[in-house]
Amino acid sequence: MELAQALYDQAADLQKEGVGTGIDTLRANVELQNEKQRLIEAEKRSRSFLYGLSKLLTSIRARRSSWADSLSFFETPQPEVEASI
């Protein structure tokens, strides 16, 4: 969106100076509005995803879950120094 804003500002400045055309400024404005809409959609999807994730985690936390496998720690054997050299 920052790039689209910069391009729109540049097109508007060029039009004010008499070097640019109105169609260029209009195109840059359309691109800026498209980028703003994409940002709004991405933020909406992000909020929706986070809401769904929080609901899922809440329902999982409410249920008592058990692991199918037991979690255990095992010791890693120490390598021999002479063999590695």
C-alpha atoms as a PDB file:
ATOM      1  CA  MET A   1       0.000   0.000   0.000  1.00  0.00           C
ATOM      2  CA  GLU A   2       2.931   2.337   0.685  1.00  0.00           C
ATOM      3  CA  LEU A   3       4.154   1.910  -2.895  1.00  0.00           C
ATOM      4  CA  ALA A   4       0.687   2.648  -4.290  1.00  0.00           C
ATOM      5  CA  GLN A   5       0.460   5.745  -2.080  1.00  0.00           C
ATOM      6  CA  ALA A   6       3.861   6.953  -3.256  1.00  0.00           C
ATOM      7  CA  LEU A   7       2.926   6.399  -6.902  1.00  0.00           C
ATOM      8  CA  TYR A   8      -0.336   8.266  -6.447  1.00  0.00           C
ATOM      9  CA  ASP A   9       1.452  11.167  -4.745  1.00  0.00           C
ATOM     10  CA  GLN A  10       3.970  11.305  -7.567  1.00  0.00           C
ATOM     11  CA  ALA A  11       1.249  11.240 -10.237  1.00  0.00           C
ATOM     12  CA  ALA A  12      -0.695  13.979  -8.435  1.00  0.00           C
ATOM     13  CA  ASP A  13       2.438  16.127  -8.140  1.00  0.00           C
ATOM     14  CA  LEU A  14       3.234  15.646 -11.835  1.00  0.00           C
ATOM     15  CA  GLN A  15      -0.315  16.644 -12.756  1.00  0.00           C
ATOM     16  CA  LYS A  16      -0.099  19.778 -10.585  1.00  0.00           C
ATOM     17  CA  GLU A  17       3.131  20.760 -12.307  1.00  0.00           C
ATOM     18  CA  GLY A  18       1.525  20.267 -15.700  1.00  0.00           C
ATOM     19  CA  VAL A  19       3.761  17.384 -16.735  1.00  0.00           C
ATOM     20  CA  GLY A  20       1.449  14.479 -15.874  1.00  0.00           C
ATOM     21  CA  THR A  21      -1.981  13.649 -17.162  1.00  0.00           C
ATOM     22  CA  GLY A  22      -5.244  13.183 -15.328  1.00  0.00           C
ATOM     23  CA  ILE A  23      -5.560   9.594 -16.519  1.00  0.00           C
ATOM     24  CA  ASP A  24      -2.232   8.703 -14.869  1.00  0.00           C
ATOM     25  CA  THR A  25      -3.417  10.215 -11.605  1.00  0.00           C
ATOM     26  CA  LEU A  26      -6.726   8.374 -11.910  1.00  0.00           C
ATOM     27  CA  ARG A  27      -4.981   5.049 -12.555  1.00  0.00           C
ATOM     28  CA  ALA A  28      -2.683   5.580  -9.582  1.00  0.00           C
ATOM     29  CA  ASN A  29      -5.710   6.417  -7.432  1.00  0.00           C
ATOM     30  CA  VAL A  30      -7.492   3.233  -8.539  1.00  0.00           C
ATOM     31  CA  GLU A  31      -4.428   1.160  -7.663  1.00  0.00           C
ATOM     32  CA  LEU A  32      -4.222   2.860  -4.270  1.00  0.00           C
ATOM     33  CA  GLN A  33      -7.865   2.067  -3.558  1.00  0.00           C
ATOM     34  CA  ASN A  34      -7.339  -1.551  -4.668  1.00  0.00           C
ATOM     35  CA  GLU A  35      -4.410  -1.910  -2.274  1.00  0.00           C
ATOM     36  CA  LYS A  36      -6.443  -0.416   0.572  1.00  0.00           C
ATOM     37  CA  GLN A  37      -9.209  -2.921  -0.120  1.00  0.00           C
ATOM     38  CA  ARG A  38      -6.718  -5.808  -0.163  1.00  0.00           C
ATOM     39  CA  LEU A  39      -5.361  -4.652   3.190  1.00  0.00           C
ATOM     40  CA  ILE A  40      -8.857  -4.524   4.683  1.00  0.00           C
ATOM     41  CA  GLU A  41      -9.595  -8.040   3.385  1.00  0.00           C
ATOM     42  CA  ALA A  42      -6.317  -9.395   4.787  1.00  0.00           C
ATOM     43  CA  GLU A  43      -7.004  -7.853   8.190  1.00  0.00           C
ATOM     44  CA  LYS A  44     -10.522  -9.303   8.156  1.00  0.00           C
ATOM     45  CA  ARG A  45      -9.223 -12.780   7.308  1.00  0.00           C
ATOM     46  CA  SER A  46      -6.574 -12.509  10.006  1.00  0.00           C
ATOM     47  CA  ARG A  47      -9.117 -11.548  12.667  1.00  0.00           C
ATOM     48  CA  SER A  48     -11.455 -14.317  11.527  1.00  0.00           C
ATOM     49  CA  PHE A  49      -8.654 -16.887  11.663  1.00  0.00           C
ATOM     50  CA  LEU A  50      -7.564 -15.783  15.130  1.00  0.00           C
ATOM     51  CA  TYR A  51     -11.149 -15.908  16.362  1.00  0.00           C
ATOM     52  CA  GLY A  52     -11.600 -19.438  15.019  1.00  0.00           C
ATOM     53  CA  LEU A  53      -8.286 -20.515  16.513  1.00  0.00           C
ATOM     54  CA  SER A  54      -9.219 -19.140  19.926  1.00  0.00           C
ATOM     55  CA  LYS A  55     -12.579 -20.953  19.788  1.00  0.00           C
ATOM     56  CA  LEU A  56     -10.815 -24.186  18.838  1.00  0.00           C
ATOM     57  CA  LEU A  57      -8.255 -23.867  21.615  1.00  0.00           C
ATOM     58  CA  THR A  58     -10.966 -23.065  24.128  1.00  0.00           C
ATOM     59  CA  SER A  59     -12.957 -26.168  23.159  1.00  0.00           C
ATOM     60  CA  ILE A  60      -9.829 -28.339  23.290  1.00  0.00           C
ATOM     61  CA  ARG A  61      -8.929 -26.945  26.695  1.00  0.00           C
ATOM     62  CA  ALA A  62     -12.466 -27.609  27.957  1.00  0.00           C
ATOM     63  CA  ARG A  63     -12.212 -31.289  27.039  1.00  0.00           C
ATOM     64  CA  ARG A  64      -9.931 -33.560  28.984  1.00  0.00           C
ATOM     65  CA  SER A  65      -7.446 -34.848  26.492  1.00  0.00           C
ATOM     66  CA  SER A  66      -4.990 -37.642  26.954  1.00  0.00           C
ATOM     67  CA  TRP A  67      -1.938 -38.473  24.937  1.00  0.00           C
ATOM     68  CA  ALA A  68      -1.866 -41.733  23.046  1.00  0.00           C
ATOM     69  CA  ASP A  69       1.850 -42.153  23.674  1.00  0.00           C
ATOM     70  CA  SER A  70       3.577 -41.545  26.953  1.00  0.00           C
ATOM     71  CA  LEU A  71       6.076 -38.740  27.040  1.00  0.00           C
ATOM     72  CA  SER A  72       9.384 -39.871  28.467  1.00  0.00           C
ATOM     73  CA  PHE A  73      12.928 -38.593  28.483  1.00  0.00           C
ATOM     74  CA  PHE A  74      15.749 -40.765  27.289  1.00  0.00           C
ATOM     75  CA  GLU A  75      19.457 -40.208  27.741  1.00  0.00           C
ATOM     76  CA  THR A  76      21.646 -39.629  24.740  1.00  0.00           C
ATOM     77  CA  PRO A  77      24.867 -41.642  24.922  1.00  0.00           C
ATOM     78  CA  GLN A  78      28.077 -39.624  25.020  1.00  0.00           C
ATOM     79  CA  PRO A  79      30.264 -40.091  21.937  1.00  0.00           C
ATOM     80  CA  GLU A  80      33.768 -41.431  22.331  1.00  0.00           C
ATOM     81  CA  VAL A  81      36.401 -38.736  21.878  1.00  0.00           C
ATOM     82  CA  GLU A  82      39.050 -40.976  20.308  1.00  0.00           C
ATOM     83  CA  ALA A  83      36.617 -42.388  17.750  1.00  0.00           C
ATOM     84  CA  SER A  84      35.480 -38.936  16.619  1.00  0.00           C
ATOM     85  CA  ILE A  85      39.059 -37.660  16.212  1.00  0.00           C
END
